[in-house]
Amino acid sequence: MEDEQKMHMDGDINQAEDDSLPFPRARVVNLMRGHITEGKQIRSEVKDALNLWLGNLLGKVAKEMNKSPYGSIGIADFQRAVNPYDQISNLVKDEKRLHVSLEKLKADADQIQRDMRRFFDQIKGSE
C-alpha cells in the first residue's frame, strides 16, 4: 500500500515536471543527442531551455498559421509560417556570397585605378 502511494506520488511529481515543459524532455534530449558528439554532457538547464524555446517557436509558428483566412490550416499556411526560419540559412549564405563579391569588386576597382594612373601618366609623359 505504501509502495503504491509512493509510486503515485512519484508519478505526480513526474507529471508536474512534464507539465512545466511543452514537450517530453526525453524526446528533446534524444533529438539533441543525434547532433551532439557522443560523450558530451548536456546540462539540465540546457535541456529545459531548449524545450521551452521549441515551445515558444511552435507558438509563433501556430500564431502565424492562424492568420489564415480559411476555416482550416493547410500546408501552404505552414510553409508561409516557417519560411522566415528557413530563410536564415539562406541569409548566411547570401552574406558570404556578398562579401566575396565585394572583395572582387574592390580588387577590380583597384586594378582599374592602377590602369588609369598608368594610362594618364603615359599621356602626360611623366613615367
C-alpha atoms as a PDB file:
ATOM      1  CA  MET A   1       0.000   0.000   0.000  1.00  0.00           C
ATOM      2  CA  GLU A   2       2.782   2.393   0.964  1.00  0.00           C
ATOM      3  CA  ASP A   3       4.654   1.489  -2.237  1.00  0.00           C
ATOM      4  CA  GLU A   4       1.543   2.302  -4.271  1.00  0.00           C
ATOM      5  CA  GLN A   5       1.279   5.700  -2.582  1.00  0.00           C
ATOM      6  CA  LYS A   6       4.968   6.355  -3.201  1.00  0.00           C
ATOM      7  CA  MET A   7       4.630   5.379  -6.878  1.00  0.00           C
ATOM      8  CA  HIS A   8       1.533   7.542  -7.156  1.00  0.00           C
ATOM      9  CA  MET A   9       3.364  10.482  -5.572  1.00  0.00           C
ATOM     10  CA  ASP A  10       6.386   9.943  -7.844  1.00  0.00           C
ATOM     11  CA  GLY A  11       4.049   9.813 -10.815  1.00  0.00           C
ATOM     12  CA  ASP A  12       2.506  13.109  -9.741  1.00  0.00           C
ATOM     13  CA  ILE A  13       5.938  14.692  -9.407  1.00  0.00           C
ATOM     14  CA  ASN A  14       6.975  13.449 -12.858  1.00  0.00           C
ATOM     15  CA  GLN A  15       3.655  14.632 -14.269  1.00  0.00           C
ATOM     16  CA  ALA A  16       4.190  18.071 -12.736  1.00  0.00           C
ATOM     17  CA  GLU A  17       7.669  18.245 -14.290  1.00  0.00           C
ATOM     18  CA  ASP A  18       6.262  17.171 -17.662  1.00  0.00           C
ATOM     19  CA  ASP A  19       3.554  19.842 -17.466  1.00  0.00           C
ATOM     20  CA  SER A  20       6.103  22.609 -16.986  1.00  0.00           C
ATOM     21  CA  LEU A  21       7.742  21.817 -20.345  1.00  0.00           C
ATOM     22  CA  PRO A  22       5.968  21.872 -23.693  1.00  0.00           C
ATOM     23  CA  PHE A  23       7.473  18.597 -24.942  1.00  0.00           C
ATOM     24  CA  PRO A  24       8.562  15.347 -23.308  1.00  0.00           C
ATOM     25  CA  ARG A  25      12.065  16.015 -22.047  1.00  0.00           C
ATOM     26  CA  ALA A  26      13.381  12.616 -23.090  1.00  0.00           C
ATOM     27  CA  ARG A  27      12.315  13.171 -26.700  1.00  0.00           C
ATOM     28  CA  VAL A  28      14.014  16.570 -26.869  1.00  0.00           C
ATOM     29  CA  VAL A  29      17.188  15.146 -25.327  1.00  0.00           C
ATOM     30  CA  ASN A  30      17.182  12.213 -27.761  1.00  0.00           C
ATOM     31  CA  LEU A  31      16.899  14.614 -30.692  1.00  0.00           C
ATOM     32  CA  MET A  32      19.751  16.699 -29.282  1.00  0.00           C
ATOM     33  CA  ARG A  33      21.886  13.606 -28.813  1.00  0.00           C
ATOM     34  CA  GLY A  34      21.623  12.893 -32.529  1.00  0.00           C
ATOM     35  CA  HIS A  35      23.605  16.066 -33.253  1.00  0.00           C
ATOM     36  CA  ILE A  36      25.973  16.291 -30.295  1.00  0.00           C
ATOM     37  CA  THR A  37      29.259  14.436 -30.032  1.00  0.00           C
ATOM     38  CA  GLU A  38      28.973  11.228 -28.071  1.00  0.00           C
ATOM     39  CA  GLY A  39      30.233  11.564 -24.530  1.00  0.00           C
ATOM     40  CA  LYS A  40      29.433  15.266 -24.143  1.00  0.00           C
ATOM     41  CA  GLN A  41      27.282  16.084 -21.168  1.00  0.00           C
ATOM     42  CA  ILE A  42      24.200  18.227 -21.699  1.00  0.00           C
ATOM     43  CA  ARG A  43      23.355  20.271 -18.650  1.00  0.00           C
ATOM     44  CA  SER A  44      19.837  20.079 -17.285  1.00  0.00           C
ATOM     45  CA  GLU A  45      19.228  23.807 -17.769  1.00  0.00           C
ATOM     46  CA  VAL A  46      20.147  23.461 -21.450  1.00  0.00           C
ATOM     47  CA  LYS A  47      17.678  20.619 -21.918  1.00  0.00           C
ATOM     48  CA  ASP A  48      14.903  22.640 -20.310  1.00  0.00           C
ATOM     49  CA  ALA A  49      15.849  25.883 -22.075  1.00  0.00           C
ATOM     50  CA  LEU A  50      15.790  24.201 -25.492  1.00  0.00           C
ATOM     51  CA  ASN A  51      12.482  22.561 -24.671  1.00  0.00           C
ATOM     52  CA  LEU A  52      10.961  25.926 -23.709  1.00  0.00           C
ATOM     53  CA  TRP A  53      12.481  27.628 -26.760  1.00  0.00           C
ATOM     54  CA  LEU A  54      10.985  24.984 -29.037  1.00  0.00           C
ATOM     55  CA  GLY A  55       7.629  25.531 -27.353  1.00  0.00           C
ATOM     56  CA  ASN A  56       7.882  29.287 -27.937  1.00  0.00           C
ATOM     57  CA  LEU A  57       8.853  28.722 -31.559  1.00  0.00           C
ATOM     58  CA  LEU A  58       5.888  26.413 -32.025  1.00  0.00           C
ATOM     59  CA  GLY A  59       3.652  29.118 -30.560  1.00  0.00           C
ATOM     60  CA  LYS A  60       4.989  31.727 -33.004  1.00  0.00           C
ATOM     61  CA  VAL A  61       4.504  29.410 -35.971  1.00  0.00           C
ATOM     62  CA  ALA A  62       0.992  28.497 -34.822  1.00  0.00           C
ATOM     63  CA  LYS A  63       0.037  32.183 -34.432  1.00  0.00           C
ATOM     64  CA  GLU A  64       1.293  32.886 -37.944  1.00  0.00           C
ATOM     65  CA  MET A  65      -0.626  29.912 -39.352  1.00  0.00           C
ATOM     66  CA  ASN A  66      -3.735  31.143 -37.525  1.00  0.00           C
ATOM     67  CA  LYS A  67      -3.684  34.256 -39.735  1.00  0.00           C
ATOM     68  CA  SER A  68      -5.091  32.089 -42.495  1.00  0.00           C
ATOM     69  CA  PRO A  69      -8.471  33.454 -43.615  1.00  0.00           C
ATOM     70  CA  TYR A  70      -9.779  29.942 -44.193  1.00  0.00           C
ATOM     71  CA  GLY A  71     -11.509  27.542 -41.841  1.00  0.00           C
ATOM     72  CA  SER A  72      -8.656  25.077 -41.947  1.00  0.00           C
ATOM     73  CA  ILE A  73      -4.895  25.396 -41.874  1.00  0.00           C
ATOM     74  CA  GLY A  74      -3.129  23.838 -44.832  1.00  0.00           C
ATOM     75  CA  ILE A  75       0.421  23.088 -45.835  1.00  0.00           C
ATOM     76  CA  ALA A  76       0.666  26.461 -47.599  1.00  0.00           C
ATOM     77  CA  ASP A  77      -0.080  28.174 -44.266  1.00  0.00           C
ATOM     78  CA  PHE A  78       2.578  26.060 -42.583  1.00  0.00           C
ATOM     79  CA  GLN A  79       5.150  26.863 -45.262  1.00  0.00           C
ATOM     80  CA  ARG A  80       4.360  30.585 -45.024  1.00  0.00           C
ATOM     81  CA  ALA A  81       4.742  30.464 -41.251  1.00  0.00           C
ATOM     82  CA  VAL A  82       8.088  28.644 -41.209  1.00  0.00           C
ATOM     83  CA  ASN A  83       9.566  30.458 -44.213  1.00  0.00           C
ATOM     84  CA  PRO A  84      11.332  33.155 -42.137  1.00  0.00           C
ATOM     85  CA  TYR A  85      13.112  30.463 -40.122  1.00  0.00           C
ATOM     86  CA  ASP A  86      14.075  28.507 -43.226  1.00  0.00           C
ATOM     87  CA  GLN A  87      15.454  31.680 -44.812  1.00  0.00           C
ATOM     88  CA  ILE A  88      18.012  32.213 -42.039  1.00  0.00           C
ATOM     89  CA  SER A  89      20.480  29.731 -43.510  1.00  0.00           C
ATOM     90  CA  ASN A  90      19.991  31.316 -46.944  1.00  0.00           C
ATOM     91  CA  LEU A  91      20.743  34.734 -45.480  1.00  0.00           C
ATOM     92  CA  VAL A  92      24.021  33.479 -44.039  1.00  0.00           C
ATOM     93  CA  LYS A  93      24.993  32.034 -47.425  1.00  0.00           C
ATOM     94  CA  ASP A  94      23.975  35.274 -49.136  1.00  0.00           C
ATOM     95  CA  GLU A  95      26.073  37.300 -46.702  1.00  0.00           C
ATOM     96  CA  LYS A  96      29.152  35.224 -47.523  1.00  0.00           C
ATOM     97  CA  ARG A  97      28.443  35.489 -51.250  1.00  0.00           C
ATOM     98  CA  LEU A  98      28.026  39.263 -50.990  1.00  0.00           C
ATOM     99  CA  HIS A  99      31.295  39.638 -49.079  1.00  0.00           C
ATOM    100  CA  VAL A 100      33.132  37.656 -51.760  1.00  0.00           C
ATOM    101  CA  SER A 101      31.501  39.768 -54.476  1.00  0.00           C
ATOM    102  CA  LEU A 102      32.512  42.981 -52.696  1.00  0.00           C
ATOM    103  CA  GLU A 103      36.101  41.790 -52.402  1.00  0.00           C
ATOM    104  CA  LYS A 104      36.144  41.058 -56.143  1.00  0.00           C
ATOM    105  CA  LEU A 105      34.688  44.491 -56.890  1.00  0.00           C
ATOM    106  CA  LYS A 106      37.323  46.119 -54.689  1.00  0.00           C
ATOM    107  CA  ALA A 107      40.083  44.243 -56.495  1.00  0.00           C
ATOM    108  CA  ASP A 108      38.612  45.221 -59.886  1.00  0.00           C
ATOM    109  CA  ALA A 109      38.318  48.861 -58.818  1.00  0.00           C
ATOM    110  CA  ASP A 110      41.931  48.881 -57.610  1.00  0.00           C
ATOM    111  CA  GLN A 111      43.077  47.394 -60.929  1.00  0.00           C
ATOM    112  CA  ILE A 112      41.106  49.976 -62.911  1.00  0.00           C
ATOM    113  CA  GLN A 113      42.593  52.752 -60.781  1.00  0.00           C
ATOM    114  CA  ARG A 114      46.139  51.463 -61.430  1.00  0.00           C
ATOM    115  CA  ASP A 115      45.434  51.158 -65.178  1.00  0.00           C
ATOM    116  CA  MET A 116      44.040  54.691 -65.307  1.00  0.00           C
ATOM    117  CA  ARG A 117      47.041  56.108 -63.465  1.00  0.00           C
ATOM    118  CA  ARG A 118      49.419  54.301 -65.824  1.00  0.00           C
ATOM    119  CA  PHE A 119      47.466  55.479 -68.890  1.00  0.00           C
ATOM    120  CA  PHE A 120      47.309  59.123 -67.832  1.00  0.00           C
ATOM    121  CA  ASP A 121      50.920  59.083 -66.680  1.00  0.00           C
ATOM    122  CA  GLN A 122      51.880  57.939 -70.203  1.00  0.00           C
ATOM    123  CA  ILE A 123      49.773  60.652 -71.796  1.00  0.00           C
ATOM    124  CA  LYS A 124      51.285  63.315 -69.580  1.00  0.00           C
ATOM    125  CA  GLY A 125      54.712  61.900 -70.277  1.00  0.00           C
ATOM    126  CA  SER A 126      55.701  61.541 -66.675  1.00  0.00           C
ATOM    127  CA  GLU A 127      56.654  57.874 -66.490  1.00  0.00           C
END
